[in-house]
N, C-alpha and C. Protein backbone atom coordinates (compact mmCIF):
# COMPACT_ATOMS: atom_id res chain seq x y z
N MET A 1 54.93 -102.78 -41.61
CA MET A 1 54.53 -103.72 -40.50
C MET A 1 53.02 -103.67 -40.38
N GLU A 2 52.39 -104.82 -40.23
CA GLU A 2 50.91 -104.86 -40.13
C GLU A 2 50.39 -104.38 -38.79
N GLU A 3 49.22 -103.71 -38.82
CA GLU A 3 48.54 -103.26 -37.65
C GLU A 3 47.37 -104.18 -37.34
N ILE A 4 46.97 -104.31 -36.09
CA ILE A 4 45.92 -105.14 -35.73
C ILE A 4 44.61 -104.39 -36.07
N MET A 5 43.79 -105.14 -36.75
CA MET A 5 42.46 -104.67 -37.18
C MET A 5 41.46 -105.80 -37.09
N PRO A 6 40.14 -105.51 -37.41
CA PRO A 6 39.26 -106.64 -37.34
C PRO A 6 39.67 -107.79 -38.20
N HIS A 7 39.59 -109.00 -37.79
CA HIS A 7 39.90 -110.28 -38.45
C HIS A 7 41.43 -110.58 -38.50
N SER A 8 42.26 -109.77 -37.91
CA SER A 8 43.60 -110.02 -37.85
C SER A 8 43.88 -111.28 -36.93
N VAL A 9 44.92 -112.06 -37.33
CA VAL A 9 45.30 -113.16 -36.60
C VAL A 9 46.50 -112.64 -35.74
N VAL A 10 46.35 -112.58 -34.41
CA VAL A 10 47.34 -112.04 -33.51
C VAL A 10 47.89 -113.06 -32.51
N THR A 11 49.21 -113.04 -32.40
CA THR A 11 49.87 -113.85 -31.44
C THR A 11 50.40 -112.78 -30.29
N LEU A 12 50.08 -113.11 -29.08
CA LEU A 12 50.49 -112.13 -28.05
C LEU A 12 50.68 -112.82 -26.74
N HIS A 13 51.33 -112.13 -25.87
CA HIS A 13 51.37 -112.41 -24.44
C HIS A 13 50.49 -111.36 -23.76
N PHE A 14 49.66 -111.71 -22.81
CA PHE A 14 48.94 -110.70 -22.04
C PHE A 14 48.69 -111.19 -20.66
N LYS A 15 48.44 -110.10 -19.83
CA LYS A 15 48.15 -110.33 -18.41
C LYS A 15 46.87 -109.57 -18.14
N LEU A 16 46.16 -110.10 -17.18
CA LEU A 16 44.92 -109.36 -16.65
C LEU A 16 45.12 -109.37 -15.17
N GLY A 17 44.76 -108.24 -14.55
CA GLY A 17 44.86 -108.13 -13.08
C GLY A 17 43.96 -107.02 -12.63
N LEU A 18 43.89 -106.91 -11.27
CA LEU A 18 43.12 -105.87 -10.65
C LEU A 18 44.04 -104.61 -10.34
N GLU A 19 43.43 -103.51 -10.17
CA GLU A 19 44.22 -102.32 -9.92
C GLU A 19 45.18 -102.44 -8.67
N ASP A 20 44.80 -103.36 -7.64
CA ASP A 20 45.57 -103.55 -6.48
C ASP A 20 46.79 -104.40 -6.75
N GLY A 21 46.96 -104.92 -7.94
CA GLY A 21 48.09 -105.69 -8.35
C GLY A 21 47.78 -107.21 -8.40
N THR A 22 46.67 -107.59 -7.85
CA THR A 22 46.23 -109.01 -7.90
C THR A 22 46.21 -109.50 -9.42
N GLU A 23 46.96 -110.61 -9.68
CA GLU A 23 46.95 -111.08 -11.06
C GLU A 23 45.87 -112.13 -11.23
N ALA A 24 45.15 -112.00 -12.36
CA ALA A 24 44.09 -112.95 -12.60
C ALA A 24 44.44 -113.95 -13.69
N PHE A 25 45.22 -113.46 -14.63
CA PHE A 25 45.53 -114.34 -15.83
C PHE A 25 46.83 -113.87 -16.47
N ASP A 26 47.61 -114.82 -16.92
CA ASP A 26 48.98 -114.48 -17.54
C ASP A 26 49.36 -115.49 -18.54
N THR A 27 49.62 -115.08 -19.85
CA THR A 27 49.94 -116.09 -20.85
C THR A 27 51.56 -116.12 -21.06
N GLU A 28 52.28 -115.65 -20.08
CA GLU A 28 53.71 -115.47 -20.27
C GLU A 28 54.39 -116.77 -20.66
N ASN A 29 53.95 -117.87 -20.09
CA ASN A 29 54.63 -119.18 -20.43
C ASN A 29 54.22 -119.71 -21.81
N GLU A 30 53.07 -119.27 -22.31
CA GLU A 30 52.66 -119.84 -23.57
C GLU A 30 51.81 -118.77 -24.30
N PRO A 31 52.31 -117.99 -25.34
CA PRO A 31 51.57 -116.98 -25.97
C PRO A 31 50.24 -117.53 -26.58
N MET A 32 49.29 -116.66 -26.68
CA MET A 32 48.01 -116.95 -27.19
C MET A 32 47.91 -116.44 -28.62
N THR A 33 47.24 -117.25 -29.46
CA THR A 33 46.90 -116.75 -30.82
C THR A 33 45.41 -116.77 -30.98
N CYS A 34 44.89 -115.61 -31.56
CA CYS A 34 43.41 -115.54 -31.72
C CYS A 34 43.21 -114.69 -32.97
N THR A 35 41.98 -114.79 -33.38
CA THR A 35 41.54 -113.95 -34.47
C THR A 35 40.60 -112.88 -33.96
N MET A 36 40.88 -111.62 -34.22
CA MET A 36 40.19 -110.49 -33.69
C MET A 36 38.70 -110.56 -34.09
N GLY A 37 37.86 -110.52 -33.25
CA GLY A 37 36.39 -110.63 -33.54
C GLY A 37 35.80 -111.96 -33.38
N ASP A 38 36.63 -113.04 -33.11
CA ASP A 38 36.07 -114.36 -32.98
C ASP A 38 35.43 -114.73 -31.57
N GLY A 39 35.50 -113.72 -30.68
CA GLY A 39 34.91 -114.04 -29.41
C GLY A 39 35.94 -114.54 -28.28
N THR A 40 37.19 -114.76 -28.73
CA THR A 40 38.22 -115.31 -27.81
C THR A 40 38.43 -114.25 -26.66
N LEU A 41 38.64 -112.98 -27.13
CA LEU A 41 38.85 -111.91 -26.24
C LEU A 41 37.56 -111.05 -25.98
N GLN A 42 37.42 -110.49 -24.80
CA GLN A 42 36.28 -109.62 -24.60
C GLN A 42 36.44 -108.42 -25.57
N PRO A 43 35.35 -107.81 -25.99
CA PRO A 43 35.44 -106.65 -26.90
C PRO A 43 36.28 -105.51 -26.36
N GLY A 44 36.25 -105.23 -25.16
CA GLY A 44 37.08 -104.16 -24.54
C GLY A 44 38.58 -104.49 -24.67
N LEU A 45 38.89 -105.74 -24.56
CA LEU A 45 40.32 -106.16 -24.70
C LEU A 45 40.77 -106.00 -26.19
N GLU A 46 39.86 -106.37 -27.09
CA GLU A 46 40.16 -106.24 -28.53
C GLU A 46 40.32 -104.76 -28.83
N LEU A 47 39.46 -103.84 -28.31
CA LEU A 47 39.62 -102.50 -28.65
C LEU A 47 40.98 -101.90 -28.25
N ALA A 48 41.45 -102.39 -27.10
CA ALA A 48 42.77 -101.97 -26.65
C ALA A 48 43.95 -102.40 -27.65
N LEU A 49 43.71 -103.37 -28.43
CA LEU A 49 44.77 -103.88 -29.28
C LEU A 49 44.74 -103.27 -30.68
N TYR A 50 43.59 -102.77 -31.19
CA TYR A 50 43.48 -102.28 -32.49
C TYR A 50 44.60 -101.18 -32.76
N GLY A 51 45.34 -101.31 -33.89
CA GLY A 51 46.24 -100.29 -34.27
C GLY A 51 47.75 -100.63 -33.79
N LEU A 52 47.86 -101.66 -32.87
CA LEU A 52 49.15 -102.14 -32.47
C LEU A 52 49.75 -103.02 -33.47
N LYS A 53 51.13 -103.04 -33.52
CA LYS A 53 51.96 -103.88 -34.43
C LYS A 53 52.80 -104.84 -33.63
N ALA A 54 53.39 -105.83 -34.31
CA ALA A 54 54.32 -106.75 -33.74
C ALA A 54 55.38 -105.98 -32.95
N GLY A 55 55.73 -106.23 -31.77
CA GLY A 55 56.69 -105.61 -30.96
C GLY A 55 56.06 -104.56 -30.02
N ASP A 56 54.87 -104.13 -30.26
CA ASP A 56 54.22 -103.13 -29.45
C ASP A 56 53.81 -103.62 -28.12
N GLU A 57 53.84 -102.84 -27.06
CA GLU A 57 53.25 -103.17 -25.73
C GLU A 57 52.26 -102.18 -25.40
N GLN A 58 51.19 -102.64 -24.58
CA GLN A 58 50.21 -101.65 -24.21
C GLN A 58 49.74 -102.10 -22.85
N THR A 59 49.57 -101.16 -21.93
CA THR A 59 48.90 -101.39 -20.61
C THR A 59 47.78 -100.40 -20.57
N ILE A 60 46.59 -100.88 -20.22
CA ILE A 60 45.44 -100.01 -20.14
C ILE A 60 44.56 -100.57 -19.03
N THR A 61 43.86 -99.63 -18.35
CA THR A 61 42.91 -99.95 -17.31
C THR A 61 41.54 -99.86 -17.97
N LEU A 62 40.76 -100.92 -17.88
CA LEU A 62 39.39 -100.97 -18.40
C LEU A 62 38.37 -100.85 -17.26
N THR A 63 37.35 -100.06 -17.50
CA THR A 63 36.27 -99.98 -16.42
C THR A 63 35.53 -101.35 -16.48
N PRO A 64 34.77 -101.59 -15.37
CA PRO A 64 34.05 -102.79 -15.39
C PRO A 64 33.18 -102.94 -16.68
N GLU A 65 32.54 -101.90 -17.07
CA GLU A 65 31.64 -101.94 -18.28
C GLU A 65 32.41 -102.29 -19.54
N GLN A 66 33.74 -101.89 -19.68
CA GLN A 66 34.57 -102.24 -20.79
C GLN A 66 35.06 -103.64 -20.70
N ALA A 67 35.11 -104.20 -19.56
CA ALA A 67 35.65 -105.57 -19.33
C ALA A 67 34.56 -106.62 -19.16
N TRP A 68 34.26 -107.04 -17.99
CA TRP A 68 33.24 -108.05 -17.77
C TRP A 68 31.96 -107.63 -17.21
N GLY A 69 31.76 -106.28 -17.18
CA GLY A 69 30.49 -105.71 -16.76
C GLY A 69 30.40 -105.67 -15.20
N GLU A 70 29.32 -105.06 -14.79
CA GLU A 70 29.04 -104.92 -13.34
C GLU A 70 28.46 -106.29 -12.85
N ARG A 71 28.67 -106.50 -11.61
CA ARG A 71 28.11 -107.72 -10.94
C ARG A 71 26.58 -107.71 -10.97
N ASN A 72 26.02 -108.87 -11.44
CA ASN A 72 24.54 -108.98 -11.48
C ASN A 72 24.02 -109.83 -10.27
N PRO A 73 23.30 -109.21 -9.40
CA PRO A 73 22.74 -109.94 -8.24
C PRO A 73 21.85 -111.06 -8.61
N GLU A 74 21.27 -111.13 -9.77
CA GLU A 74 20.38 -112.19 -10.16
C GLU A 74 21.24 -113.45 -10.54
N LEU A 75 22.58 -113.27 -10.65
CA LEU A 75 23.49 -114.48 -10.93
C LEU A 75 23.93 -115.16 -9.56
N LEU A 76 23.40 -114.64 -8.52
CA LEU A 76 23.69 -115.34 -7.15
C LEU A 76 22.53 -116.40 -7.02
N LYS A 77 22.83 -117.59 -6.90
CA LYS A 77 21.81 -118.67 -6.89
C LYS A 77 21.98 -119.54 -5.63
N ASP A 78 20.90 -119.83 -4.92
CA ASP A 78 20.78 -120.80 -3.93
C ASP A 78 20.54 -122.17 -4.59
N ILE A 79 21.46 -123.12 -4.36
CA ILE A 79 21.22 -124.41 -5.03
C ILE A 79 21.06 -125.50 -3.90
N PRO A 80 20.12 -126.35 -4.00
CA PRO A 80 19.89 -127.31 -3.01
C PRO A 80 21.17 -128.19 -2.83
N ARG A 81 21.61 -128.41 -1.58
CA ARG A 81 22.76 -129.23 -1.27
C ARG A 81 22.64 -130.61 -1.93
N SER A 82 21.41 -131.12 -2.07
CA SER A 82 21.09 -132.42 -2.67
C SER A 82 21.41 -132.48 -4.09
N ASP A 83 21.66 -131.33 -4.74
CA ASP A 83 22.00 -131.34 -6.22
C ASP A 83 23.52 -131.66 -6.37
N PHE A 84 24.28 -131.70 -5.31
CA PHE A 84 25.71 -131.95 -5.48
C PHE A 84 25.91 -133.36 -5.01
N PRO A 85 27.03 -133.99 -5.59
CA PRO A 85 27.34 -135.37 -5.26
C PRO A 85 27.39 -135.59 -3.77
N VAL A 86 26.83 -136.76 -3.25
CA VAL A 86 26.87 -137.03 -1.78
C VAL A 86 28.43 -137.17 -1.43
N GLY A 87 28.72 -136.47 -0.28
CA GLY A 87 30.05 -136.56 0.23
C GLY A 87 31.03 -135.56 -0.42
N SER A 88 30.48 -134.73 -1.32
CA SER A 88 31.38 -133.63 -1.94
C SER A 88 31.75 -132.67 -0.95
N MET A 89 33.02 -132.33 -0.83
CA MET A 89 33.51 -131.31 -0.01
C MET A 89 33.40 -130.01 -0.58
N LEU A 90 32.46 -129.14 -0.13
CA LEU A 90 32.18 -127.85 -0.68
C LEU A 90 32.65 -126.86 0.40
N GLU A 91 33.34 -125.76 -0.24
CA GLU A 91 33.74 -124.73 0.75
C GLU A 91 33.77 -123.41 -0.03
N ALA A 92 33.58 -122.29 0.74
CA ALA A 92 33.47 -121.02 0.12
C ALA A 92 34.81 -120.75 -0.58
N GLY A 93 34.65 -120.12 -1.77
CA GLY A 93 35.94 -119.80 -2.64
C GLY A 93 36.14 -120.78 -3.75
N GLN A 94 35.51 -122.09 -3.61
CA GLN A 94 35.69 -122.99 -4.63
C GLN A 94 35.06 -122.57 -5.90
N ILE A 95 35.76 -122.90 -7.03
CA ILE A 95 35.18 -122.60 -8.35
C ILE A 95 34.76 -123.95 -8.91
N LEU A 96 33.57 -124.13 -9.33
CA LEU A 96 33.00 -125.45 -9.83
C LEU A 96 32.45 -125.24 -11.22
N ALA A 97 32.49 -126.35 -11.98
CA ALA A 97 31.81 -126.40 -13.31
C ALA A 97 30.47 -126.88 -13.07
N PHE A 98 29.55 -126.22 -13.89
CA PHE A 98 28.11 -126.61 -13.90
C PHE A 98 27.69 -126.79 -15.32
N SER A 99 26.90 -127.86 -15.60
CA SER A 99 26.32 -128.08 -16.85
C SER A 99 24.95 -127.36 -16.97
N LEU A 100 24.84 -126.69 -18.13
CA LEU A 100 23.54 -125.94 -18.41
C LEU A 100 22.64 -126.78 -19.09
N PRO A 101 21.36 -126.35 -19.11
CA PRO A 101 20.27 -127.30 -19.81
C PRO A 101 20.59 -127.45 -21.29
N ASP A 102 21.34 -126.57 -21.95
CA ASP A 102 21.68 -126.63 -23.32
C ASP A 102 22.89 -127.51 -23.60
N GLY A 103 23.48 -128.06 -22.60
CA GLY A 103 24.64 -128.82 -22.68
C GLY A 103 26.04 -128.00 -22.58
N GLU A 104 25.93 -126.66 -22.55
CA GLU A 104 27.10 -125.93 -22.32
C GLU A 104 27.53 -126.06 -20.88
N GLU A 105 28.83 -125.62 -20.66
CA GLU A 105 29.20 -125.58 -19.27
C GLU A 105 29.49 -124.05 -18.87
N THR A 106 29.34 -123.80 -17.52
CA THR A 106 29.73 -122.53 -16.95
C THR A 106 30.38 -122.84 -15.64
N THR A 107 30.93 -121.79 -15.14
CA THR A 107 31.61 -121.85 -13.82
C THR A 107 30.80 -121.01 -12.74
N GLY A 108 30.96 -121.43 -11.53
CA GLY A 108 30.34 -120.66 -10.47
C GLY A 108 31.27 -120.74 -9.20
N THR A 109 31.27 -119.70 -8.47
CA THR A 109 32.11 -119.65 -7.24
C THR A 109 31.18 -119.86 -6.02
N VAL A 110 31.50 -120.82 -5.25
CA VAL A 110 30.77 -121.08 -4.02
C VAL A 110 31.01 -120.01 -3.08
N LEU A 111 29.97 -119.32 -2.51
CA LEU A 111 30.02 -118.21 -1.60
C LEU A 111 29.78 -118.71 -0.22
N ALA A 112 28.82 -119.66 -0.02
CA ALA A 112 28.48 -120.12 1.32
C ALA A 112 27.91 -121.46 1.22
N VAL A 113 28.19 -122.34 2.28
CA VAL A 113 27.61 -123.66 2.28
C VAL A 113 26.87 -123.94 3.59
N GLU A 114 25.60 -124.18 3.47
CA GLU A 114 24.69 -124.40 4.57
C GLU A 114 24.35 -125.89 4.51
N SER A 115 23.67 -126.46 5.43
CA SER A 115 23.35 -127.88 5.52
C SER A 115 22.49 -128.30 4.38
N ASP A 116 21.57 -127.32 3.96
CA ASP A 116 20.58 -127.75 2.90
C ASP A 116 20.72 -126.90 1.61
N GLN A 117 21.55 -125.81 1.63
CA GLN A 117 21.67 -124.85 0.47
C GLN A 117 23.10 -124.51 0.32
N VAL A 118 23.43 -124.23 -0.99
CA VAL A 118 24.83 -123.78 -1.39
C VAL A 118 24.57 -122.55 -2.12
N LEU A 119 25.14 -121.46 -1.75
CA LEU A 119 25.01 -120.13 -2.50
C LEU A 119 26.25 -120.05 -3.49
N VAL A 120 25.81 -119.96 -4.72
CA VAL A 120 26.83 -119.88 -5.77
C VAL A 120 26.58 -118.64 -6.66
N ASP A 121 27.83 -118.03 -6.89
CA ASP A 121 27.88 -116.80 -7.72
C ASP A 121 28.24 -117.21 -9.14
N PHE A 122 27.36 -116.89 -10.06
CA PHE A 122 27.67 -117.22 -11.53
C PHE A 122 28.21 -116.02 -12.31
N ASN A 123 28.47 -114.96 -11.55
CA ASN A 123 29.03 -113.76 -12.25
C ASN A 123 30.53 -114.16 -12.65
N HIS A 124 31.12 -113.56 -13.67
CA HIS A 124 32.51 -113.75 -14.03
C HIS A 124 33.32 -113.29 -12.79
N PRO A 125 34.36 -113.94 -12.43
CA PRO A 125 35.18 -113.43 -11.26
C PRO A 125 35.69 -112.01 -11.43
N LEU A 126 35.81 -111.56 -12.65
CA LEU A 126 36.35 -110.08 -12.83
C LEU A 126 35.25 -109.16 -13.00
N SER A 127 33.97 -109.55 -13.07
CA SER A 127 32.87 -108.61 -13.12
C SER A 127 32.87 -107.66 -11.98
N GLY A 128 32.47 -106.45 -12.20
CA GLY A 128 32.49 -105.49 -11.13
C GLY A 128 33.74 -104.82 -10.84
N HIS A 129 34.85 -105.21 -11.49
CA HIS A 129 36.23 -104.71 -11.24
C HIS A 129 36.67 -103.99 -12.44
N ALA A 130 37.51 -102.92 -12.16
CA ALA A 130 38.25 -102.37 -13.25
C ALA A 130 39.49 -103.35 -13.45
N VAL A 131 39.83 -103.56 -14.74
CA VAL A 131 40.77 -104.53 -15.04
C VAL A 131 41.97 -103.94 -15.67
N VAL A 132 43.18 -104.24 -15.22
CA VAL A 132 44.44 -103.76 -15.88
C VAL A 132 44.82 -104.75 -16.92
N PHE A 133 44.93 -104.41 -18.16
CA PHE A 133 45.19 -105.31 -19.34
C PHE A 133 46.58 -104.91 -19.92
N TYR A 134 47.55 -105.78 -19.75
CA TYR A 134 48.83 -105.54 -20.32
C TYR A 134 49.01 -106.59 -21.50
N ALA A 135 49.42 -106.06 -22.73
CA ALA A 135 49.64 -106.95 -23.90
C ALA A 135 50.94 -106.55 -24.56
N ARG A 136 51.65 -107.72 -24.95
CA ARG A 136 52.88 -107.58 -25.78
C ARG A 136 52.62 -108.31 -27.09
N VAL A 137 52.44 -107.65 -28.17
CA VAL A 137 52.20 -108.19 -29.55
C VAL A 137 53.38 -108.87 -30.02
N LEU A 138 53.22 -110.12 -30.45
CA LEU A 138 54.36 -110.90 -31.01
C LEU A 138 54.27 -110.94 -32.51
N GLU A 139 53.09 -111.26 -33.07
CA GLU A 139 52.89 -111.36 -34.50
C GLU A 139 51.49 -110.85 -34.86
N VAL A 140 51.33 -110.27 -36.07
CA VAL A 140 50.12 -109.82 -36.62
C VAL A 140 50.09 -110.26 -38.10
N HIS A 141 48.97 -111.02 -38.46
CA HIS A 141 48.81 -111.39 -39.83
C HIS A 141 47.36 -110.93 -40.23
N ASN A 142 47.31 -110.16 -41.31
CA ASN A 142 45.94 -109.64 -41.69
C ASN A 142 45.51 -110.56 -42.85
N PRO A 143 44.22 -110.79 -42.93
CA PRO A 143 43.71 -111.67 -44.09
C PRO A 143 43.95 -110.86 -45.34
N ILE A 144 44.16 -111.60 -46.41
CA ILE A 144 44.32 -111.04 -47.68
C ILE A 144 42.91 -110.58 -48.20
N ALA A 145 42.82 -109.34 -48.59
CA ALA A 145 41.57 -108.80 -49.03
C ALA A 145 41.15 -109.43 -50.33
N ALA A 146 39.85 -109.79 -50.31
CA ALA A 146 39.28 -110.54 -51.50
C ALA A 146 39.22 -109.50 -52.67
N GLU A 147 39.60 -110.00 -53.78
CA GLU A 147 39.64 -109.04 -54.95
C GLU A 147 38.25 -108.98 -55.55
């Protein structure tokens, strides 16, 4: 039976949550397939999968550094209220999509709304938290080594 290694194509179910039991993500309704090392999973999550085989289950708690890192105060930004569409209903806790100058998109969480400013947190929602990672491996396919 094949073990997960770099460049393996892996199909799995996984859950991410906080140590207090708060669930952040769950693929239980639709398994995910990814290639190890392609950037789909955080490096810390990939490391937790190496060596596992189809049928294996793993639960591991990752430190913030192993998962999404510590919170960066520089990623808290005051954005002029005028930069948002007129009449938009903004409230603390909302997660919004923002276009970056290079055309990419990112998300930010609204922390506070004032009459002329909106405080937005661009840290990943799981940054600064230990993350509980549960995985159930369904399939592993390793690339054929070039001769």
